[in-house]
């Protein structure tokens, strides 16, 4: 190891490079640099003016789109009205079915909300309810007791006494 240390200590240090000094030149004055001949030669040449680009006229396209929007708005309103009519028809049919109204009686249901249609269906059902038909002879088909359950005296009491 001693040999390595000896070699490193013997190497000479690098020398700094010498800078050569240039003689000072006289700096030119602005009048010398910018003579009229040099200015004309060095002046940048003007480029031809770029053509003016104009935006295309889209008024026709805009008018066509406005017409299309108006058409779609009208179609949307018509579809909304048709939807409202269909919903009312469904509510009308549901109310008529609940109270057992016939198809002819459904057209007389009025109202725009479900509650109004329900009330109208209830009133119409009360007016169109079938009345029981009682035959001559005083027999009622809606009687709770059958004729077989009655005694002969009760049967005699049911016979009308309209004789001449």
Protein backbone atom coordinates (compact mmCIF):
# COMPACT_ATOMS: atom_id res chain seq x y z
CA UNK A 1 0.00 0.00 0.00
CA UNK A 2 2.87 2.29 0.53
CA UNK A 3 3.70 1.98 -3.12
CA UNK A 4 0.27 3.32 -4.13
CA UNK A 5 0.66 6.34 -1.89
CA UNK A 6 4.02 7.12 -3.36
CA UNK A 7 2.69 7.10 -6.90
CA UNK A 8 -0.17 9.49 -6.10
CA UNK A 9 2.05 11.96 -4.37
CA UNK A 10 4.47 12.09 -7.30
CA UNK A 11 1.89 13.06 -9.95
CA UNK A 12 2.13 16.73 -10.81
CA UNK A 13 -0.99 18.94 -10.54
CA UNK A 14 -2.54 19.94 -13.86
CA UNK A 15 -1.76 23.43 -15.04
CA UNK A 16 -4.51 25.94 -15.74
CA UNK A 17 -4.85 26.89 -19.38
CA UNK A 18 -3.61 30.30 -20.27
CA UNK A 19 -6.08 32.80 -21.60
CA UNK A 20 -4.88 34.87 -24.46
CA UNK A 21 -5.70 38.48 -24.18
CA UNK A 22 -7.02 40.09 -27.32
CA UNK A 23 -6.30 43.69 -28.04
CA UNK A 24 -9.32 45.85 -27.41
CA UNK A 25 -11.18 46.82 -30.54
CA UNK A 26 -12.90 50.09 -30.93
CA UNK A 27 -16.69 49.66 -30.64
CA UNK A 28 -18.58 51.27 -33.47
CA UNK A 29 -21.05 54.06 -32.78
CA UNK A 30 -24.75 53.65 -33.69
CA UNK A 31 -24.35 56.14 -36.53
CA UNK A 32 -21.64 53.95 -38.04
CA UNK A 33 -23.61 50.76 -37.66
CA UNK A 34 -26.96 52.04 -38.93
CA UNK A 35 -26.18 53.83 -42.12
CA UNK A 36 -29.11 54.37 -44.50
CA UNK A 37 -27.69 51.91 -47.05
CA UNK A 38 -27.28 49.15 -44.47
CA UNK A 39 -30.73 49.77 -43.04
CA UNK A 40 -32.35 49.35 -46.47
CA UNK A 41 -30.39 46.18 -47.13
CA UNK A 42 -31.05 44.63 -43.73
CA UNK A 43 -34.62 45.80 -43.29
CA UNK A 44 -37.05 42.90 -43.22
CA UNK A 45 -39.12 42.68 -46.31
CA UNK A 46 -42.82 43.12 -45.72
CA UNK A 47 -44.78 39.96 -46.32
CA UNK A 48 -47.84 40.20 -48.47
CA UNK A 49 -51.01 40.70 -46.40
CA UNK A 50 -52.72 37.46 -45.53
CA UNK A 51 -56.12 37.04 -47.15
CA UNK A 52 -59.00 37.89 -44.86
CA UNK A 53 -60.84 34.75 -43.85
CA UNK A 54 -64.51 35.30 -43.28
CA UNK A 55 -66.75 32.98 -41.33
CA UNK A 56 -69.29 31.18 -43.48
CA UNK A 57 -72.84 32.47 -43.32
CA UNK A 58 -74.88 30.00 -41.26
CA UNK A 59 -78.14 31.93 -41.11
CA UNK A 60 -79.89 29.43 -43.39
CA UNK A 61 -78.76 26.54 -41.21
CA UNK A 62 -79.85 28.42 -38.09
CA UNK A 63 -83.29 29.09 -39.55
CA UNK A 64 -83.67 25.42 -40.49
CA UNK A 65 -82.71 24.35 -36.96
CA UNK A 66 -85.16 26.85 -35.43
CA UNK A 67 -87.94 25.44 -37.61
CA UNK A 68 -86.99 21.91 -36.57
CA UNK A 69 -87.04 22.89 -32.87
CA UNK A 70 -90.49 24.47 -33.29
CA UNK A 71 -91.76 21.31 -35.02
CA UNK A 72 -90.38 19.05 -32.29
CA UNK A 73 -91.84 21.29 -29.58
CA UNK A 74 -95.29 21.07 -31.18
CA UNK A 75 -94.95 17.28 -31.48
CA UNK A 76 -93.92 17.07 -27.81
CA UNK A 77 -96.96 19.09 -26.72
CA UNK A 78 -99.26 16.88 -28.82
CA UNK A 79 -97.71 13.75 -27.29
CA UNK A 80 -98.18 15.21 -23.78
CA UNK A 81 -101.86 15.86 -24.47
CA UNK A 82 -102.32 12.35 -25.86
CA UNK A 83 -100.58 10.88 -22.81
CA UNK A 84 -102.88 12.84 -20.48
CA UNK A 85 -105.95 11.60 -22.38
CA UNK A 86 -104.74 7.99 -22.20
CA UNK A 87 -104.06 8.26 -18.47
CA UNK A 88 -107.57 9.69 -17.93
CA UNK A 89 -109.07 6.84 -19.98
CA UNK A 90 -107.19 4.31 -17.83
CA UNK A 91 -108.40 5.94 -14.61
CA UNK A 92 -111.95 6.10 -16.02
CA UNK A 93 -111.84 2.39 -16.91
CA UNK A 94 -110.47 1.44 -13.49
CA UNK A 95 -113.20 3.40 -11.68
CA UNK A 96 -115.91 1.89 -13.91
CA UNK A 97 -114.58 -1.63 -13.30
CA UNK A 98 -114.57 -1.11 -9.53
CA UNK A 99 -118.27 -0.27 -9.54
CA UNK A 100 -119.30 -2.70 -12.29
CA UNK A 101 -120.40 -0.11 -14.86
CA UNK A 102 -121.06 -1.12 -18.43
CA UNK A 103 -119.06 0.20 -21.40
CA UNK A 104 -121.99 2.50 -22.34
CA UNK A 105 -122.06 3.99 -18.85
CA UNK A 106 -118.31 4.74 -18.87
CA UNK A 107 -118.70 7.59 -21.31
CA UNK A 108 -120.78 9.49 -18.74
CA UNK A 109 -117.99 9.50 -16.16
CA UNK A 110 -116.61 13.02 -15.82
CA UNK A 111 -113.63 14.38 -13.96
CA UNK A 112 -109.93 14.81 -14.47
CA UNK A 113 -108.49 13.35 -11.28
CA UNK A 114 -108.79 9.85 -9.90
CA UNK A 115 -110.88 11.03 -6.93
CA UNK A 116 -113.38 12.87 -9.17
CA UNK A 117 -113.76 9.84 -11.44
CA UNK A 118 -114.22 7.56 -8.41
CA UNK A 119 -117.00 9.78 -7.02
CA UNK A 120 -118.75 9.99 -10.40
CA UNK A 121 -118.56 6.20 -10.83
CA UNK A 122 -120.06 5.69 -7.36
CA UNK A 123 -123.01 8.00 -8.16
CA UNK A 124 -123.57 6.45 -11.59
CA UNK A 125 -123.47 2.93 -10.13
CA UNK A 126 -126.16 3.91 -7.61
CA UNK A 127 -128.38 5.26 -10.41
CA UNK A 128 -127.92 2.29 -12.71
CA UNK A 129 -128.26 -0.43 -10.09
CA UNK A 130 -130.78 -3.05 -11.22
CA UNK A 131 -134.03 -3.09 -9.28
CA UNK A 132 -135.29 -6.45 -8.14
CA UNK A 133 -138.17 -7.82 -10.18
CA UNK A 134 -141.00 -9.10 -8.10
CA UNK A 135 -143.61 -11.21 -9.78
CA UNK A 136 -147.33 -11.18 -9.17
CA UNK A 137 -148.29 -13.36 -6.37
CA UNK A 138 -146.01 -11.72 -3.84
CA UNK A 139 -143.05 -14.05 -4.14
CA UNK A 140 -139.73 -12.34 -3.66
CA UNK A 141 -136.69 -14.00 -5.31
CA UNK A 142 -134.42 -12.30 -2.80
CA UNK A 143 -136.19 -13.80 0.20
CA UNK A 144 -133.96 -15.27 2.85
CA UNK A 145 -136.23 -18.23 3.54
CA UNK A 146 -137.32 -20.68 0.88
CA UNK A 147 -140.94 -21.65 0.40
CA UNK A 148 -140.28 -25.11 1.73
CA UNK A 149 -139.34 -23.62 5.10
CA UNK A 150 -142.68 -21.76 5.49
CA UNK A 151 -145.69 -23.14 7.28
CA UNK A 152 -149.06 -23.42 5.50
CA UNK A 153 -150.38 -20.44 7.47
CA UNK A 154 -147.42 -18.28 6.36
CA UNK A 155 -147.92 -19.35 2.75
CA UNK A 156 -151.63 -18.42 2.95
CA UNK A 157 -150.72 -15.01 4.37
CA UNK A 158 -148.58 -14.27 1.32
CA UNK A 159 -151.40 -14.76 -1.17
CA UNK A 160 -152.94 -11.43 -2.15
CA UNK A 161 -156.60 -10.99 -1.22
CA UNK A 162 -157.77 -9.14 -4.28
CA UNK A 163 -160.82 -11.09 -5.29
CA UNK A 164 -163.93 -9.70 -6.76
